[in-house]
Amino acid sequence: MFDWEVFDEYVGSIAAQQQAELMRFLQLLQAENQKYNLTTIVETEDIFYKHFLDSILFAKELQLNNQKILDIGTGAGFPGIVIKILFPQTQVYLIEANNKKINFLKLVIKELNLKNIIPVNQRAEIFSVQHKEEFDIVISRAMAPLNVLLEVGVQALKVNGTFICLKAKNVGVEILDLNGKESDIALKLVVEQKLFVDNIGERVNLFFNKIKPTNSIYPRQYSQIKKKPLGK
């Protein structure tokens, strides 16, 4: 049905079991989306490319093995569940504030019998402080602008860990808005992955390295972050 070889460039060949798990995930997403607003991307081919493949493009730049990963604002499980299926040796935490989406994540995890993947119904800035420097990778896809996203998640990231922001072509504006202030929270932009992928379009994935512990004044309360984001 699908050309699974499109994944090869980014993650290598996908085993039959992984293909089956992704297809079951797709079926669950379409079925449950009729009850709840989980995603606006509903066509089968669009889910395959714009959710599944898009979630894993970053892996071309970073080898995934047994890292502990925090997915902030995972929504219906992107990229976290896709990462778990394709890299089962990882440990993944899924942060999501919407309770209906958390229930969906629990359903998928149970149906696919996924291990070491934990959905958490909590705000990222609170979880980040409670789990300071526990994660090798913090990742997020289409959750918030950089000057908000980086602050709410940075405390959870280990020193020398990687904060990955999966973005589209308009990310240049977000980088300008950040105004170099990522250094205030001990982050340094080290890789800007620019891609044009058939059936998806232009993608820009940013990789920040955490160079030292982040000052304990961060993250501020979310109302303060929204009122005056980093760089403003």
C-alpha atoms as a PDB file:
ATOM      1  CA  MET A   1       0.000   0.000   0.000  1.00  0.00           C
ATOM      2  CA  PHE A   2       2.793   2.404   0.911  1.00  0.00           C
ATOM      3  CA  ASP A   3       6.354   2.832  -0.268  1.00  0.00           C
ATOM      4  CA  TRP A   4       8.075   2.018   3.001  1.00  0.00           C
ATOM      5  CA  GLU A   5      11.427   2.605   1.341  1.00  0.00           C
ATOM      6  CA  VAL A   6      10.929   6.352   1.811  1.00  0.00           C
ATOM      7  CA  PHE A   7      11.934   5.761   5.440  1.00  0.00           C
ATOM      8  CA  ASP A   8      15.246   4.131   4.495  1.00  0.00           C
ATOM      9  CA  GLU A   9      17.188   7.366   4.127  1.00  0.00           C
ATOM     10  CA  TYR A  10      16.269   8.448   7.645  1.00  0.00           C
ATOM     11  CA  VAL A  11      15.917   5.315   9.775  1.00  0.00           C
ATOM     12  CA  GLY A  12      17.031   2.397   7.611  1.00  0.00           C
ATOM     13  CA  SER A  13      14.730  -0.419   6.542  1.00  0.00           C
ATOM     14  CA  ILE A  14      11.637  -1.004   8.653  1.00  0.00           C
ATOM     15  CA  ALA A  15      10.759  -4.508   9.846  1.00  0.00           C
ATOM     16  CA  ALA A  16       7.383  -6.026   9.007  1.00  0.00           C
ATOM     17  CA  GLN A  17       6.323  -5.830  12.663  1.00  0.00           C
ATOM     18  CA  GLN A  18       7.079  -2.111  12.756  1.00  0.00           C
ATOM     19  CA  GLN A  19       5.098  -1.560   9.579  1.00  0.00           C
ATOM     20  CA  ALA A  20       2.173  -3.418  11.134  1.00  0.00           C
ATOM     21  CA  GLU A  21       2.396  -1.336  14.316  1.00  0.00           C
ATOM     22  CA  LEU A  22       2.393   1.914  12.353  1.00  0.00           C
ATOM     23  CA  MET A  23      -0.607   0.770  10.335  1.00  0.00           C
ATOM     24  CA  ARG A  24      -2.489  -0.169  13.513  1.00  0.00           C
ATOM     25  CA  PHE A  25      -1.593   3.230  14.953  1.00  0.00           C
ATOM     26  CA  LEU A  26      -3.001   4.835  11.792  1.00  0.00           C
ATOM     27  CA  GLN A  27      -6.240   2.859  12.085  1.00  0.00           C
ATOM     28  CA  LEU A  28      -6.676   3.824  15.726  1.00  0.00           C
ATOM     29  CA  LEU A  29      -6.007   7.472  14.927  1.00  0.00           C
ATOM     30  CA  GLN A  30      -8.641   7.542  12.179  1.00  0.00           C
ATOM     31  CA  ALA A  31     -11.216   5.703  14.296  1.00  0.00           C
ATOM     32  CA  GLU A  32     -10.763   7.780  17.439  1.00  0.00           C
ATOM     33  CA  ASN A  33     -10.528  11.016  15.480  1.00  0.00           C
ATOM     34  CA  GLN A  34     -14.182  10.570  14.576  1.00  0.00           C
ATOM     35  CA  LYS A  35     -14.970  10.916  18.292  1.00  0.00           C
ATOM     36  CA  TYR A  36     -12.395  13.530  19.305  1.00  0.00           C
ATOM     37  CA  ASN A  37     -10.429  16.219  17.518  1.00  0.00           C
ATOM     38  CA  LEU A  38      -7.029  14.522  17.582  1.00  0.00           C
ATOM     39  CA  THR A  39      -5.683  15.761  14.249  1.00  0.00           C
ATOM     40  CA  THR A  40      -6.730  17.708  11.166  1.00  0.00           C
ATOM     41  CA  ILE A  41      -4.663  15.343   9.016  1.00  0.00           C
ATOM     42  CA  VAL A  42      -7.054  12.454   8.429  1.00  0.00           C
ATOM     43  CA  GLU A  43      -6.428  10.935   4.993  1.00  0.00           C
ATOM     44  CA  THR A  44      -4.450   7.699   5.065  1.00  0.00           C
ATOM     45  CA  GLU A  45      -1.653   8.824   2.742  1.00  0.00           C
ATOM     46  CA  ASP A  46      -1.359  12.176   4.516  1.00  0.00           C
ATOM     47  CA  ILE A  47      -0.993  10.452   7.891  1.00  0.00           C
ATOM     48  CA  PHE A  48       1.698   8.194   6.445  1.00  0.00           C
ATOM     49  CA  TYR A  49       3.798  11.078   5.139  1.00  0.00           C
ATOM     50  CA  LYS A  50       2.833  14.151   7.166  1.00  0.00           C
ATOM     51  CA  HIS A  51       2.698  12.423  10.549  1.00  0.00           C
ATOM     52  CA  PHE A  52       4.765   9.233  10.388  1.00  0.00           C
ATOM     53  CA  LEU A  53       7.588  10.168   8.027  1.00  0.00           C
ATOM     54  CA  ASP A  54       7.700  13.791   9.174  1.00  0.00           C
ATOM     55  CA  SER A  55       8.127  12.631  12.784  1.00  0.00           C
ATOM     56  CA  ILE A  56      11.345  10.804  12.007  1.00  0.00           C
ATOM     57  CA  LEU A  57      13.193  12.952   9.445  1.00  0.00           C
ATOM     58  CA  PHE A  58      15.435  14.287  12.214  1.00  0.00           C
ATOM     59  CA  ALA A  59      16.926  10.810  12.791  1.00  0.00           C
ATOM     60  CA  LYS A  60      19.169  11.308   9.758  1.00  0.00           C
ATOM     61  CA  GLU A  61      21.164  13.782  11.886  1.00  0.00           C
ATOM     62  CA  LEU A  62      21.128  11.966  15.237  1.00  0.00           C
ATOM     63  CA  GLN A  63      21.624   8.294  15.955  1.00  0.00           C
ATOM     64  CA  LEU A  64      18.914   6.884  18.191  1.00  0.00           C
ATOM     65  CA  ASN A  65      19.639   3.881  20.369  1.00  0.00           C
ATOM     66  CA  ASN A  66      18.778   3.660  24.076  1.00  0.00           C
ATOM     67  CA  GLN A  67      18.285   7.341  24.911  1.00  0.00           C
ATOM     68  CA  LYS A  68      15.701   8.642  27.350  1.00  0.00           C
ATOM     69  CA  ILE A  69      13.486  10.990  25.327  1.00  0.00           C
ATOM     70  CA  LEU A  70      10.921  13.615  26.343  1.00  0.00           C
ATOM     71  CA  ASP A  71       8.316  14.563  23.717  1.00  0.00           C
ATOM     72  CA  ILE A  72       6.712  17.886  24.661  1.00  0.00           C
ATOM     73  CA  GLY A  73       3.184  18.558  23.435  1.00  0.00           C
ATOM     74  CA  THR A  74       2.954  15.190  21.737  1.00  0.00           C
ATOM     75  CA  GLY A  75      -0.730  15.568  20.810  1.00  0.00           C
ATOM     76  CA  ALA A  76      -1.806  12.287  19.216  1.00  0.00           C
ATOM     77  CA  GLY A  77       1.698  10.841  19.606  1.00  0.00           C
ATOM     78  CA  PHE A  78       3.895  12.718  17.164  1.00  0.00           C
ATOM     79  CA  PRO A  79       6.770  12.245  17.135  1.00  0.00           C
ATOM     80  CA  GLY A  80       6.962  10.183  20.352  1.00  0.00           C
ATOM     81  CA  ILE A  81       4.982   7.070  19.444  1.00  0.00           C
ATOM     82  CA  VAL A  82       6.564   6.899  15.986  1.00  0.00           C
ATOM     83  CA  ILE A  83      10.015   7.109  17.596  1.00  0.00           C
ATOM     84  CA  LYS A  84       9.113   4.310  20.004  1.00  0.00           C
ATOM     85  CA  ILE A  85       7.844   2.031  17.233  1.00  0.00           C
ATOM     86  CA  LEU A  86      10.883   2.539  15.006  1.00  0.00           C
ATOM     87  CA  PHE A  87      13.440   2.656  17.838  1.00  0.00           C
ATOM     88  CA  PRO A  88      11.971   0.306  20.471  1.00  0.00           C
ATOM     89  CA  GLN A  89      15.110   0.426  22.629  1.00  0.00           C
ATOM     90  CA  THR A  90      14.458   4.079  23.516  1.00  0.00           C
ATOM     91  CA  GLN A  91      12.579   5.176  26.635  1.00  0.00           C
ATOM     92  CA  VAL A  92       9.951   7.792  25.766  1.00  0.00           C
ATOM     93  CA  TYR A  93       7.864  10.151  27.881  1.00  0.00           C
ATOM     94  CA  LEU A  94       4.883  11.828  26.199  1.00  0.00           C
ATOM     95  CA  ILE A  95       3.852  15.171  27.696  1.00  0.00           C
ATOM     96  CA  GLU A  96       0.346  16.311  26.830  1.00  0.00           C
ATOM     97  CA  ALA A  97      -1.981  18.695  28.673  1.00  0.00           C
ATOM     98  CA  ASN A  98      -5.150  17.561  26.854  1.00  0.00           C
ATOM     99  CA  ASN A  99      -6.795  14.718  28.770  1.00  0.00           C
ATOM    100  CA  LYS A 100      -8.638  13.293  25.736  1.00  0.00           C
ATOM    101  CA  LYS A 101      -5.360  13.010  23.859  1.00  0.00           C
ATOM    102  CA  ILE A 102      -3.743  11.351  26.884  1.00  0.00           C
ATOM    103  CA  ASN A 103      -6.528   8.756  26.836  1.00  0.00           C
ATOM    104  CA  PHE A 104      -5.851   8.151  23.147  1.00  0.00           C
ATOM    105  CA  LEU A 105      -2.116   7.719  23.802  1.00  0.00           C
ATOM    106  CA  LYS A 106      -2.876   5.152  26.512  1.00  0.00           C
ATOM    107  CA  LEU A 107      -5.126   3.287  24.070  1.00  0.00           C
ATOM    108  CA  VAL A 108      -2.412   3.144  21.402  1.00  0.00           C
ATOM    109  CA  ILE A 109       0.244   2.029  23.894  1.00  0.00           C
ATOM    110  CA  LYS A 110      -2.037  -0.758  25.140  1.00  0.00           C
ATOM    111  CA  GLU A 111      -3.159  -1.888  21.670  1.00  0.00           C
ATOM    112  CA  LEU A 112       0.409  -1.981  20.339  1.00  0.00           C
ATOM    113  CA  ASN A 113       1.797  -3.436  23.591  1.00  0.00           C
ATOM    114  CA  LEU A 114       4.542  -0.806  23.654  1.00  0.00           C
ATOM    115  CA  LYS A 115       6.983  -0.882  26.564  1.00  0.00           C
ATOM    116  CA  ASN A 116       8.902   1.915  28.297  1.00  0.00           C
ATOM    117  CA  ILE A 117       6.681   4.662  26.924  1.00  0.00           C
ATOM    118  CA  ILE A 118       4.883   6.811  29.472  1.00  0.00           C
ATOM    119  CA  PRO A 119       2.102   9.354  28.791  1.00  0.00           C
ATOM    120  CA  VAL A 120       2.036  12.235  31.270  1.00  0.00           C
ATOM    121  CA  ASN A 121      -0.918  14.604  31.629  1.00  0.00           C
ATOM    122  CA  GLN A 122       0.965  17.675  32.837  1.00  0.00           C
ATOM    123  CA  ARG A 123       2.243  21.043  31.681  1.00  0.00           C
ATOM    124  CA  ALA A 124       5.764  20.882  30.279  1.00  0.00           C
ATOM    125  CA  GLU A 125       7.217  23.689  32.392  1.00  0.00           C
ATOM    126  CA  ILE A 126       6.137  21.920  35.583  1.00  0.00           C
ATOM    127  CA  PHE A 127       7.318  18.475  34.483  1.00  0.00           C
ATOM    128  CA  SER A 128      10.636  19.933  33.311  1.00  0.00           C
ATOM    129  CA  VAL A 129      11.466  21.275  36.775  1.00  0.00           C
ATOM    130  CA  GLN A 130      10.313  18.105  38.533  1.00  0.00           C
ATOM    131  CA  HIS A 131      12.539  15.972  36.261  1.00  0.00           C
ATOM    132  CA  LYS A 132      15.585  18.203  36.046  1.00  0.00           C
ATOM    133  CA  GLU A 133      18.357  16.954  33.750  1.00  0.00           C
ATOM    134  CA  GLU A 134      16.873  13.463  33.370  1.00  0.00           C
ATOM    135  CA  PHE A 135      16.594  13.313  29.581  1.00  0.00           C
ATOM    136  CA  ASP A 136      19.158  12.767  26.831  1.00  0.00           C
ATOM    137  CA  ILE A 137      16.819  14.252  24.228  1.00  0.00           C
ATOM    138  CA  VAL A 138      13.941  16.705  24.470  1.00  0.00           C
ATOM    139  CA  ILE A 139      11.918  16.927  21.268  1.00  0.00           C
ATOM    140  CA  SER A 140       8.802  18.735  20.112  1.00  0.00           C
ATOM    141  CA  ARG A 141       6.848  19.087  16.886  1.00  0.00           C
ATOM    142  CA  ALA A 142       4.626  22.079  16.128  1.00  0.00           C
ATOM    143  CA  MET A 143       3.946  22.793  19.798  1.00  0.00           C
ATOM    144  CA  ALA A 144       4.995  26.431  20.326  1.00  0.00           C
ATOM    145  CA  PRO A 145       7.363  29.117  18.996  1.00  0.00           C
ATOM    146  CA  LEU A 146      11.032  28.583  19.807  1.00  0.00           C
ATOM    147  CA  ASN A 147      11.178  31.390  22.360  1.00  0.00           C
ATOM    148  CA  VAL A 148       8.455  29.634  24.363  1.00  0.00           C
ATOM    149  CA  LEU A 149       9.215  25.983  23.642  1.00  0.00           C
ATOM    150  CA  LEU A 150      12.885  26.062  24.595  1.00  0.00           C
ATOM    151  CA  GLU A 151      12.247  27.674  27.956  1.00  0.00           C
ATOM    152  CA  VAL A 152       9.462  25.330  29.064  1.00  0.00           C
ATOM    153  CA  GLY A 153      11.465  22.188  28.316  1.00  0.00           C
ATOM    154  CA  VAL A 154      15.116  23.027  28.924  1.00  0.00           C
ATOM    155  CA  GLN A 155      15.376  22.047  32.599  1.00  0.00           C
ATOM    156  CA  ALA A 156      14.520  18.428  31.800  1.00  0.00           C
ATOM    157  CA  LEU A 157      17.480  18.142  29.427  1.00  0.00           C
ATOM    158  CA  LYS A 158      20.833  16.774  30.570  1.00  0.00           C
ATOM    159  CA  VAL A 159      23.968  18.838  30.074  1.00  0.00           C
ATOM    160  CA  ASN A 160      25.334  17.862  26.636  1.00  0.00           C
ATOM    161  CA  GLY A 161      21.867  16.626  25.727  1.00  0.00           C
ATOM    162  CA  THR A 162      20.032  17.632  22.558  1.00  0.00           C
ATOM    163  CA  PHE A 163      16.866  19.730  22.257  1.00  0.00           C
ATOM    164  CA  ILE A 164      15.264  18.994  18.865  1.00  0.00           C
ATOM    165  CA  CYS A 165      12.621  21.301  17.406  1.00  0.00           C
ATOM    166  CA  LEU A 166      10.750  19.950  14.383  1.00  0.00           C
ATOM    167  CA  LYS A 167       9.697  22.949  12.339  1.00  0.00           C
ATOM    168  CA  ALA A 168       8.505  24.106   8.913  1.00  0.00           C
ATOM    169  CA  LYS A 169       9.795  26.756   6.538  1.00  0.00           C
ATOM    170  CA  ASN A 170       8.670  29.723   8.676  1.00  0.00           C
ATOM    171  CA  VAL A 171      11.200  28.867  11.386  1.00  0.00           C
ATOM    172  CA  GLY A 172      13.469  31.704  10.242  1.00  0.00           C
ATOM    173  CA  VAL A 173      11.102  34.190  11.853  1.00  0.00           C
ATOM    174  CA  GLU A 174      11.167  32.193  15.102  1.00  0.00           C
ATOM    175  CA  ILE A 175      14.968  32.169  15.116  1.00  0.00           C
ATOM    176  CA  LEU A 176      15.011  35.953  14.664  1.00  0.00           C
ATOM    177  CA  ASP A 177      12.464  36.360  17.465  1.00  0.00           C
ATOM    178  CA  LEU A 178      14.695  34.284  19.723  1.00  0.00           C
ATOM    179  CA  ASN A 179      17.349  36.974  19.231  1.00  0.00           C
ATOM    180  CA  GLY A 180      20.204  34.781  20.430  1.00  0.00           C
ATOM    181  CA  LYS A 181      18.687  34.510  23.896  1.00  0.00           C
ATOM    182  CA  GLU A 182      18.835  30.719  23.860  1.00  0.00           C
ATOM    183  CA  SER A 183      22.244  31.234  25.475  1.00  0.00           C
ATOM    184  CA  ASP A 184      20.440  32.636  28.542  1.00  0.00           C
ATOM    185  CA  ILE A 185      19.006  29.171  29.163  1.00  0.00           C
ATOM    186  CA  ALA A 186      22.305  27.414  28.324  1.00  0.00           C
ATOM    187  CA  LEU A 187      21.395  26.254  24.812  1.00  0.00           C
ATOM    188  CA  LYS A 188      23.405  26.576  21.610  1.00  0.00           C
ATOM    189  CA  LEU A 189      22.062  25.981  18.099  1.00  0.00           C
ATOM    190  CA  VAL A 190      24.429  23.439  16.524  1.00  0.00           C
ATOM    191  CA  VAL A 191      22.583  21.954  13.523  1.00  0.00           C
ATOM    192  CA  GLU A 192      19.926  23.340  11.192  1.00  0.00           C
ATOM    193  CA  GLN A 193      18.596  20.453   9.114  1.00  0.00           C
ATOM    194  CA  LYS A 194      16.885  21.758   5.968  1.00  0.00           C
ATOM    195  CA  LEU A 195      14.880  19.327   3.880  1.00  0.00           C
ATOM    196  CA  PHE A 196      12.413  19.240   1.029  1.00  0.00           C
ATOM    197  CA  VAL A 197      10.507  15.973   1.095  1.00  0.00           C
ATOM    198  CA  ASP A 198       7.973  14.789  -1.459  1.00  0.00           C
ATOM    199  CA  ASN A 199       4.409  14.731  -0.091  1.00  0.00           C
ATOM    200  CA  ILE A 200       5.496  16.828   2.903  1.00  0.00           C
ATOM    201  CA  GLY A 201       7.258  19.926   1.590  1.00  0.00           C
ATOM    202  CA  GLU A 202       9.916  22.064   3.225  1.00  0.00           C
ATOM    203  CA  ARG A 203      11.035  21.116   6.722  1.00  0.00           C
ATOM    204  CA  VAL A 204      13.602  22.677   9.033  1.00  0.00           C
ATOM    205  CA  ASN A 205      14.648  20.746  12.125  1.00  0.00           C
ATOM    206  CA  LEU A 206      16.786  22.517  14.718  1.00  0.00           C
ATOM    207  CA  PHE A 207      19.214  20.835  17.102  1.00  0.00           C
ATOM    208  CA  PHE A 208      20.283  22.710  20.235  1.00  0.00           C
ATOM    209  CA  ASN A 209      23.027  21.467  22.568  1.00  0.00           C
ATOM    210  CA  LYS A 210      22.784  22.124  26.308  1.00  0.00           C
ATOM    211  CA  ILE A 211      26.205  23.475  27.251  1.00  0.00           C
ATOM    212  CA  LYS A 212      25.800  23.809  31.025  1.00  0.00           C
ATOM    213  CA  PRO A 213      23.093  23.643  33.722  1.00  0.00           C
ATOM    214  CA  THR A 214      20.252  26.092  33.158  1.00  0.00           C
ATOM    215  CA  ASN A 215      19.768  28.846  35.739  1.00  0.00           C
ATOM    216  CA  SER A 216      17.058  27.859  38.221  1.00  0.00           C
ATOM    217  CA  ILE A 217      15.070  31.020  37.446  1.00  0.00           C
ATOM    218  CA  TYR A 218      13.933  29.195  34.290  1.00  0.00           C
ATOM    219  CA  PRO A 219      11.360  28.270  33.302  1.00  0.00           C
ATOM    220  CA  ARG A 220       9.274  31.194  34.481  1.00  0.00           C
ATOM    221  CA  GLN A 221       5.556  30.762  34.998  1.00  0.00           C
ATOM    222  CA  TYR A 222       3.808  30.165  31.703  1.00  0.00           C
ATOM    223  CA  SER A 223       1.874  33.421  31.915  1.00  0.00           C
ATOM    224  CA  GLN A 224       5.191  35.287  32.150  1.00  0.00           C
ATOM    225  CA  ILE A 225       6.714  33.324  29.289  1.00  0.00           C
ATOM    226  CA  LYS A 226       3.745  34.121  27.046  1.00  0.00           C
ATOM    227  CA  LYS A 227       3.750  37.772  28.064  1.00  0.00           C
ATOM    228  CA  LYS A 228       7.483  38.201  27.448  1.00  0.00           C
ATOM    229  CA  PRO A 229       9.080  35.285  25.588  1.00  0.00           C
ATOM    230  CA  LEU A 230      12.850  34.899  25.374  1.00  0.00           C
ATOM    231  CA  GLY A 231      14.343  37.483  23.041  1.00  0.00           C
ATOM    232  CA  LYS A 232      11.576  40.034  23.572  1.00  0.00           C
END
